[in-house]
Amino acid sequence: MLEKMNKTLKPNNRVLRGLIIVPTRELVDQVSISLSNYGKYLNVRHTKIQGGISKASQLEKLKTGIDIIVATPGRLKVFVEDKVIDLSSVNMIVLDEADTMLEMGFIKEIEFIFSSCSLYRQIMMFSATVSQNIKKLGKEFLKNSVTVEVSQRRDTVKLIEHKAIKVDVKRRLELLAYLINISNKEQILLFANTKEAVDEVCDFLVNKNIKAVKIHGNLEYQERSKAIKSFRSKKVQVLVGTDIAARGIDIKELPLVINYELPESTDEFTHRVGRTGRANNKGEVITILTVKDYNLFGKIERNLHLNIKREVLEEFELKDRQPRQKQMKKRLLSQKKGKLDRKPKIKQSDKNSLQRGSAKSKKTTKRDFGRNFRAK
């Protein structure tokens, strides 16, 4: 996008031509930094449109002449509806973290934004996973579409070491604190499924003298931004977040991801795991499992072609009732190869009829013998 725009750029007559839509404010900041780095020696200008910042300051920047906008869909839609932003000249559109965007319910906003852009445009959708929603959106807005797959979603990343540790439900928090203390890792990204769980985990870790901060949707943008900055600068060891809040956060050389709770889908597990093991750096993922997680974790393993050994730490021996495991009956080698002829099983009714038939045949033989004797 930067290279194309730079070739035909008219500094004295700038026209908005590029649009990058992302699901969260944090990702707006991250993409904006990347544009600044990649376009350091170019004359392409960009600005951010997002919630949490005054509308007036954003509109002032637009008046100076902008080539690319990086935006969250909600705030951008409001500006377009208020006719303070005209997207009719936009001919390059990027939808980043597309799956997340649609899961968050932004489908109507995205359809409105796409419809407001130039009819002669190129649309690019990026995601670690491609859902049916993305395919549906693609059919609606794309012509002659092409799918570019960098690597298969189900490929096992060799740089990432997986561990699965079983624990009783009541001792899960205790195990978490123990794992963090023995890890010797400066940065740990920790996932929980709900905002309430994030609050509970973060408070527990702070009470255990572990430096931790949290991010989720109920926190103000400034609070979330401050938390991420302190984590990036290694002022705190642990960042606790939900899937949505932590999506797209790129921490350079992040060494460890911990799943405090198992995500509800294989796709979410993929996104979590993808925070580590990036750019040829080794990473580690620890998933904490309670009894209720076994079946789902097995399904995730099958979907991703993983085979992760379950561990139980000595200090955390299991007391919760464990599910029964099917015991495989031992079979002879000849049976496994199908060489042994087994006797067919006979039903009880068949046995009775055989016995009656056998007795009848014996009587007939005696009678025949008597007749033959008399005849002689």
Protein backbone atom coordinates (compact mmCIF):
# COMPACT_ATOMS: atom_id res chain seq x y z
CA MET A 1 0.00 0.00 0.00
CA LEU A 2 2.80 2.41 0.96
CA GLU A 3 4.81 1.66 -2.18
CA LYS A 4 1.84 2.03 -4.55
CA MET A 5 0.77 5.33 -3.02
CA ASN A 6 4.26 6.77 -2.94
CA LYS A 7 4.64 6.26 -6.72
CA THR A 8 1.62 8.41 -7.60
CA LEU A 9 1.68 10.77 -4.62
CA LYS A 10 0.81 14.46 -5.08
CA PRO A 11 1.94 16.21 -1.85
CA ASN A 12 0.05 19.40 -2.64
CA ASN A 13 -3.19 17.60 -3.49
CA ARG A 14 -3.53 14.63 -1.15
CA VAL A 15 -6.54 12.35 -1.56
CA LEU A 16 -7.56 9.65 0.94
CA ARG A 17 -6.86 6.36 -0.84
CA GLY A 18 -6.00 3.78 1.82
CA LEU A 19 -8.07 2.35 4.67
CA ILE A 20 -7.02 -0.21 7.30
CA ILE A 21 -9.81 -1.47 9.59
CA VAL A 22 -8.93 -3.32 12.82
CA PRO A 23 -11.06 -4.59 15.75
CA THR A 24 -9.41 -2.89 18.75
CA ARG A 25 -7.87 0.45 19.68
CA GLU A 26 -4.67 -1.31 20.71
CA LEU A 27 -4.32 -2.73 17.22
CA VAL A 28 -4.90 0.74 15.71
CA ASP A 29 -1.87 1.94 17.70
CA GLN A 30 0.21 -1.05 16.65
CA VAL A 31 -0.59 -0.73 12.94
CA SER A 32 0.06 3.02 13.10
CA ILE A 33 3.54 2.39 14.53
CA SER A 34 4.23 -0.13 11.74
CA LEU A 35 3.16 2.39 9.07
CA SER A 36 5.48 4.98 10.61
CA ASN A 37 8.40 2.52 10.61
CA TYR A 38 7.85 1.17 7.07
CA GLY A 39 7.13 4.64 5.64
CA LYS A 40 9.95 6.39 7.47
CA TYR A 41 11.61 7.59 4.24
CA LEU A 42 8.40 8.08 2.27
CA ASN A 43 6.09 11.08 2.05
CA VAL A 44 2.89 9.09 2.76
CA ARG A 45 0.76 10.41 5.62
CA HIS A 46 -1.58 8.41 7.84
CA THR A 47 -3.76 9.07 10.87
CA LYS A 48 -5.76 7.12 13.48
CA ILE A 49 -9.54 7.09 13.89
CA GLN A 50 -10.54 5.34 17.10
CA GLY A 51 -12.63 5.64 20.24
CA GLY A 52 -11.15 6.94 23.49
CA ILE A 53 -9.66 10.02 21.79
CA SER A 54 -11.48 13.32 21.21
CA LYS A 55 -13.21 13.58 17.83
CA ALA A 56 -12.06 17.19 17.38
CA SER A 57 -8.34 16.32 17.48
CA GLN A 58 -8.86 13.52 14.95
CA LEU A 59 -10.78 15.78 12.57
CA GLU A 60 -8.02 18.45 12.75
CA LYS A 61 -5.47 15.90 11.50
CA LEU A 62 -7.74 14.96 8.61
CA LYS A 63 -7.82 18.57 7.43
CA THR A 64 -4.02 18.58 6.93
CA GLY A 65 -4.32 16.02 4.12
CA ILE A 66 -4.14 12.26 4.74
CA ASP A 67 -3.35 9.31 2.45
CA ILE A 68 -4.20 6.37 4.78
CA ILE A 69 -6.59 5.98 7.71
CA VAL A 70 -6.19 3.28 10.38
CA ALA A 71 -9.51 2.88 12.18
CA THR A 72 -11.84 0.88 14.37
CA PRO A 73 -15.17 0.31 12.57
CA GLY A 74 -17.44 1.97 15.16
CA ARG A 75 -15.83 5.42 15.24
CA LEU A 76 -15.20 5.40 11.47
CA LYS A 77 -18.88 4.63 10.73
CA VAL A 78 -19.96 7.58 12.91
CA PHE A 79 -17.62 9.95 11.02
CA VAL A 80 -18.87 8.73 7.64
CA GLU A 81 -22.51 9.08 8.71
CA ASP A 82 -21.78 12.61 9.99
CA LYS A 83 -20.19 13.32 6.58
CA VAL A 84 -16.92 14.52 8.09
CA ILE A 85 -15.02 11.72 6.29
CA ASP A 86 -15.53 10.93 2.60
CA LEU A 87 -14.43 7.41 1.67
CA SER A 88 -15.46 7.58 -1.99
CA SER A 89 -11.82 7.95 -3.11
CA VAL A 90 -10.55 4.93 -1.09
CA ASN A 91 -9.32 2.25 -3.53
CA MET A 92 -7.26 0.05 -1.15
CA ILE A 93 -8.94 -1.52 1.88
CA VAL A 94 -7.43 -3.83 4.50
CA LEU A 95 -9.57 -5.77 6.98
CA ASP A 96 -7.17 -7.02 9.64
CA GLU A 97 -8.05 -9.74 12.18
CA ALA A 98 -11.13 -10.27 10.03
CA ASP A 99 -12.43 -13.26 12.01
CA THR A 100 -12.36 -11.34 15.27
CA MET A 101 -14.06 -8.34 13.69
CA LEU A 102 -17.00 -10.45 12.56
CA GLU A 103 -17.18 -12.37 15.85
CA MET A 104 -17.46 -9.03 17.67
CA GLY A 105 -20.54 -8.21 15.60
CA PHE A 106 -19.08 -5.55 13.31
CA ILE A 107 -20.55 -7.05 10.13
CA LYS A 108 -23.05 -4.21 9.55
CA GLU A 109 -20.43 -1.51 10.12
CA ILE A 110 -18.02 -3.22 7.71
CA GLU A 111 -20.69 -3.61 5.02
CA PHE A 112 -21.56 0.09 5.40
CA ILE A 113 -17.88 1.15 5.18
CA PHE A 114 -17.19 -1.04 2.13
CA SER A 115 -20.26 0.37 0.38
CA SER A 116 -19.01 3.93 1.06
CA CYS A 117 -15.65 3.32 -0.67
CA SER A 118 -14.83 3.53 -4.36
CA LEU A 119 -16.32 0.82 -6.58
CA TYR A 120 -12.88 0.41 -8.14
CA ARG A 121 -10.98 -0.91 -5.16
CA GLN A 122 -8.85 -3.75 -3.89
CA ILE A 123 -9.97 -5.41 -0.66
CA MET A 124 -7.62 -7.54 1.44
CA MET A 125 -8.75 -9.59 4.45
CA PHE A 126 -6.17 -10.93 6.90
CA SER A 127 -6.68 -13.54 9.61
CA ALA A 128 -4.94 -16.52 11.20
CA THR A 129 -8.20 -18.42 10.70
CA VAL A 130 -10.81 -18.15 7.95
CA SER A 131 -14.41 -18.67 9.05
CA GLN A 132 -17.62 -19.02 7.06
CA ASN A 133 -18.41 -15.38 7.89
CA ILE A 134 -15.29 -14.21 6.07
CA LYS A 135 -16.16 -16.38 3.06
CA LYS A 136 -19.68 -14.94 3.05
CA LEU A 137 -18.34 -11.38 3.21
CA GLY A 138 -15.88 -12.22 0.44
CA LYS A 139 -18.65 -13.47 -1.87
CA GLU A 140 -20.59 -10.26 -1.28
CA PHE A 141 -17.79 -7.74 -1.95
CA LEU A 142 -14.96 -9.49 -3.82
CA LYS A 143 -14.64 -10.19 -7.53
CA ASN A 144 -12.09 -12.65 -8.93
CA SER A 145 -10.88 -13.27 -5.38
CA VAL A 146 -7.64 -15.09 -4.60
CA THR A 147 -6.73 -16.88 -1.37
CA VAL A 148 -3.11 -16.53 -0.25
CA GLU A 149 -2.15 -19.03 2.46
CA VAL A 150 1.22 -18.50 4.11
CA SER A 151 0.98 -21.78 6.03
CA GLN A 152 -1.83 -24.13 6.89
CA ARG A 153 -3.74 -23.30 10.06
CA ARG A 154 -3.30 -26.86 11.32
CA ASP A 155 0.45 -26.96 10.84
CA THR A 156 2.39 -27.58 14.04
CA VAL A 157 4.86 -24.81 14.74
CA LYS A 158 8.14 -26.51 15.55
CA LEU A 159 9.44 -23.47 17.43
CA ILE A 160 6.70 -23.77 20.07
CA GLU A 161 6.96 -26.26 22.94
CA HIS A 162 3.57 -27.33 24.33
CA LYS A 163 2.85 -28.50 27.87
CA ALA A 164 -0.45 -29.56 29.43
CA ILE A 165 -0.65 -29.73 33.22
CA LYS A 166 -3.58 -31.34 35.03
CA VAL A 167 -4.79 -29.91 38.33
CA ASP A 168 -7.78 -30.00 40.69
CA VAL A 169 -10.30 -27.20 40.08
CA LYS A 170 -9.78 -25.64 43.53
CA ARG A 171 -5.98 -25.51 43.13
CA ARG A 172 -5.83 -23.97 39.65
CA LEU A 173 -4.86 -20.46 40.90
CA GLU A 174 -2.29 -21.95 43.25
CA LEU A 175 -0.74 -23.92 40.37
CA LEU A 176 -0.69 -20.79 38.19
CA ALA A 177 1.32 -18.80 40.75
CA TYR A 178 3.69 -21.75 41.15
CA LEU A 179 4.29 -22.03 37.37
CA ILE A 180 4.99 -18.29 37.06
CA ASN A 181 7.46 -18.36 39.96
CA ILE A 182 9.46 -21.29 38.58
CA SER A 183 9.36 -20.11 34.95
CA ASN A 184 12.10 -17.45 35.22
CA LYS A 185 10.43 -15.67 32.28
CA GLU A 186 10.42 -11.86 32.15
CA GLN A 187 7.20 -11.70 30.12
CA ILE A 188 4.19 -14.02 30.31
CA LEU A 189 0.94 -13.51 28.39
CA LEU A 190 -1.90 -15.15 30.31
CA PHE A 191 -5.34 -15.91 28.85
CA ALA A 192 -8.68 -16.29 30.65
CA ASN A 193 -12.11 -16.64 29.05
CA THR A 194 -14.10 -13.90 30.79
CA LYS A 195 -13.56 -10.39 32.16
CA GLU A 196 -14.49 -11.65 35.65
CA ALA A 197 -11.87 -14.40 35.46
CA VAL A 198 -9.23 -11.88 34.29
CA ASP A 199 -10.00 -9.67 37.31
CA GLU A 200 -9.86 -12.64 39.70
CA VAL A 201 -6.56 -13.97 38.33
CA CYS A 202 -4.85 -10.57 38.23
CA ASP A 203 -5.88 -9.74 41.82
CA PHE A 204 -4.67 -13.14 43.02
CA LEU A 205 -1.25 -12.74 41.36
CA VAL A 206 -0.77 -9.21 42.74
CA ASN A 207 -1.59 -10.53 46.24
CA LYS A 208 1.12 -13.16 45.69
CA ASN A 209 3.64 -10.36 44.95
CA ILE A 210 3.72 -11.14 41.24
CA LYS A 211 3.74 -8.01 39.08
CA ALA A 212 0.68 -8.34 36.86
CA VAL A 213 -1.66 -6.09 34.87
CA LYS A 214 -4.89 -6.81 32.99
CA ILE A 215 -6.70 -5.88 29.79
CA HIS A 216 -10.34 -6.48 28.88
CA GLY A 217 -13.29 -4.66 27.34
CA ASN A 218 -14.57 -3.09 30.58
CA LEU A 219 -11.38 -1.07 31.07
CA GLU A 220 -10.93 2.41 29.63
CA TYR A 221 -8.68 2.73 26.59
CA GLN A 222 -6.07 4.70 28.59
CA GLU A 223 -5.92 1.93 31.22
CA ARG A 224 -5.46 -0.79 28.60
CA SER A 225 -2.82 1.25 26.77
CA LYS A 226 -0.92 1.85 30.00
CA ALA A 227 -1.04 -1.87 30.87
CA ILE A 228 0.38 -2.91 27.48
CA LYS A 229 3.15 -0.29 27.67
CA SER A 230 4.23 -1.47 31.12
CA PHE A 231 4.25 -5.08 29.88
CA ARG A 232 6.23 -4.23 26.74
CA SER A 233 8.82 -2.32 28.78
CA LYS A 234 9.06 -5.32 31.18
CA LYS A 235 8.00 -3.27 34.20
CA VAL A 236 5.48 -6.01 34.92
CA GLN A 237 5.95 -9.75 34.38
CA VAL A 238 2.41 -10.90 33.54
CA LEU A 239 -0.28 -9.50 31.25
CA VAL A 240 -3.69 -11.11 31.89
CA GLY A 241 -6.29 -10.70 29.16
CA THR A 242 -9.32 -12.03 27.35
CA ASP A 243 -9.07 -13.29 23.76
CA ILE A 244 -10.58 -10.15 22.22
CA ALA A 245 -8.48 -7.68 24.23
CA ALA A 246 -5.23 -9.53 23.61
CA ARG A 247 -5.89 -10.23 19.92
CA GLY A 248 -3.27 -8.71 17.65
CA ILE A 249 -0.92 -7.69 20.47
CA ASP A 250 2.58 -8.25 19.17
CA ILE A 251 5.22 -8.59 21.89
CA LYS A 252 8.71 -9.02 20.49
CA GLU A 253 10.24 -12.38 21.47
CA LEU A 254 7.41 -13.26 23.89
CA PRO A 255 8.73 -16.39 25.64
CA LEU A 256 5.63 -17.86 27.30
CA VAL A 257 1.85 -18.06 26.85
CA ILE A 258 -0.30 -19.64 29.59
CA ASN A 259 -3.88 -20.80 29.06
CA TYR A 260 -5.35 -20.42 32.54
CA GLU A 261 -8.67 -21.49 31.02
CA LEU A 262 -9.08 -23.51 27.85
CA PRO A 263 -10.61 -21.50 24.97
CA GLU A 264 -13.91 -22.68 23.55
CA SER A 265 -12.65 -23.32 20.02
CA THR A 266 -9.63 -24.52 18.07
CA ASP A 267 -9.43 -21.16 16.30
CA GLU A 268 -9.08 -19.26 19.58
CA PHE A 269 -6.38 -21.71 20.72
CA THR A 270 -4.56 -21.04 17.43
CA HIS A 271 -4.69 -17.27 17.96
CA ARG A 272 -3.43 -17.58 21.55
CA VAL A 273 -0.57 -19.87 20.60
CA GLY A 274 0.37 -17.52 17.77
CA ARG A 275 1.45 -14.81 20.24
CA THR A 276 4.70 -16.73 20.87
CA GLY A 277 7.16 -18.53 18.58
CA ARG A 278 7.18 -15.59 16.14
CA ALA A 279 9.91 -14.49 13.73
CA ASN A 280 12.02 -17.64 14.29
CA ASN A 281 12.10 -17.16 18.08
CA LYS A 282 11.37 -20.16 20.28
CA GLY A 283 8.29 -20.05 22.48
CA GLU A 284 6.45 -22.08 25.08
CA VAL A 285 2.74 -22.65 25.71
CA ILE A 286 1.41 -24.09 28.98
CA THR A 287 -2.25 -25.14 29.14
CA ILE A 288 -3.78 -25.77 32.55
CA LEU A 289 -6.38 -28.55 32.48
CA THR A 290 -9.09 -29.49 34.95
CA VAL A 291 -11.39 -32.52 34.61
CA LYS A 292 -13.96 -30.56 32.59
CA ASP A 293 -11.33 -29.63 29.97
CA TYR A 294 -10.16 -33.10 28.93
CA ASN A 295 -12.64 -33.75 26.10
CA LEU A 296 -12.33 -30.29 24.54
CA PHE A 297 -8.54 -30.36 24.74
CA GLY A 298 -8.50 -33.75 23.01
CA LYS A 299 -10.64 -32.28 20.22
CA ILE A 300 -8.27 -29.30 19.82
CA GLU A 301 -5.31 -31.69 19.65
CA ARG A 302 -6.97 -33.73 16.91
CA ASN A 303 -7.86 -30.60 14.91
CA LEU A 304 -4.30 -29.27 15.08
CA HIS A 305 -2.59 -32.67 14.78
CA LEU A 306 -0.91 -32.22 18.16
CA ASN A 307 -0.06 -34.86 20.73
CA ILE A 308 0.66 -33.10 24.02
CA LYS A 309 1.64 -35.15 27.04
CA ARG A 310 -0.48 -34.53 30.16
CA GLU A 311 1.58 -33.90 33.28
CA VAL A 312 0.77 -33.91 36.98
CA LEU A 313 3.22 -32.09 39.26
CA GLU A 314 4.23 -33.82 42.50
CA GLU A 315 3.14 -30.83 44.57
CA PHE A 316 -0.30 -30.93 42.95
CA GLU A 317 -1.43 -34.56 43.02
CA LEU A 318 -4.96 -35.02 41.74
CA LYS A 319 -7.85 -35.59 44.15
CA ASP A 320 -10.74 -34.68 41.87
CA ARG A 321 -12.54 -37.72 40.49
CA GLN A 322 -11.00 -38.59 37.15
CA PRO A 323 -12.98 -40.02 34.22
CA ARG A 324 -12.65 -43.74 33.53
CA GLN A 325 -10.28 -44.64 30.79
CA LYS A 326 -11.16 -47.48 28.44
CA GLN A 327 -8.86 -50.44 28.95
CA MET A 328 -7.82 -52.14 25.76
CA LYS A 329 -8.08 -55.96 25.86
CA LYS A 330 -4.87 -57.73 24.99
CA ARG A 331 -5.04 -59.68 21.74
CA LEU A 332 -2.71 -62.33 20.39
CA LEU A 333 -0.46 -61.29 17.56
CA SER A 334 -2.19 -63.81 15.28
CA GLN A 335 -5.55 -62.22 16.14
CA LYS A 336 -4.24 -58.73 15.33
CA LYS A 337 -3.07 -59.99 11.95
CA GLY A 338 -6.38 -61.82 11.39
CA LYS A 339 -4.75 -65.25 11.02
CA LEU A 340 -6.48 -67.03 13.91
CA ASP A 341 -9.74 -68.79 12.98
CA ARG A 342 -12.16 -68.09 15.75
CA LYS A 343 -15.03 -70.48 16.56
CA PRO A 344 -18.32 -68.84 15.62
CA LYS A 345 -20.46 -67.85 18.60
CA ILE A 346 -23.66 -69.94 18.91
CA LYS A 347 -26.83 -68.48 20.41
CA GLN A 348 -28.53 -70.32 23.30
CA SER A 349 -31.63 -71.01 21.15
CA ASP A 350 -29.42 -72.57 18.47
CA LYS A 351 -27.70 -74.73 21.12
CA ASN A 352 -31.06 -76.06 22.33
CA SER A 353 -32.19 -76.96 18.82
CA LEU A 354 -28.87 -78.71 18.17
CA GLN A 355 -29.26 -80.74 21.38
CA ARG A 356 -32.84 -81.76 20.44
CA GLY A 357 -31.69 -82.73 16.97
CA SER A 358 -28.86 -84.78 18.43
CA ALA A 359 -31.21 -86.70 20.77
CA LYS A 360 -33.68 -87.40 17.93
CA SER A 361 -30.93 -88.76 15.74
CA LYS A 362 -29.86 -91.17 18.52
CA LYS A 363 -33.43 -92.61 18.84
CA THR A 364 -33.73 -93.08 15.11
CA THR A 365 -30.48 -95.01 15.05
CA LYS A 366 -31.71 -97.46 17.75
CA ARG A 367 -35.01 -98.14 15.96
CA ASP A 368 -33.26 -98.72 12.66
CA PHE A 369 -30.84 -101.10 14.35
CA GLY A 370 -33.80 -103.22 15.77
CA ARG A 371 -35.45 -103.48 12.38
CA ASN A 372 -32.28 -104.56 10.72
CA PHE A 373 -31.66 -107.23 13.44
CA ARG A 374 -35.15 -108.75 13.03
CA ALA A 375 -34.85 -108.82 9.26
CA LYS A 376 -31.65 -110.79 9.56
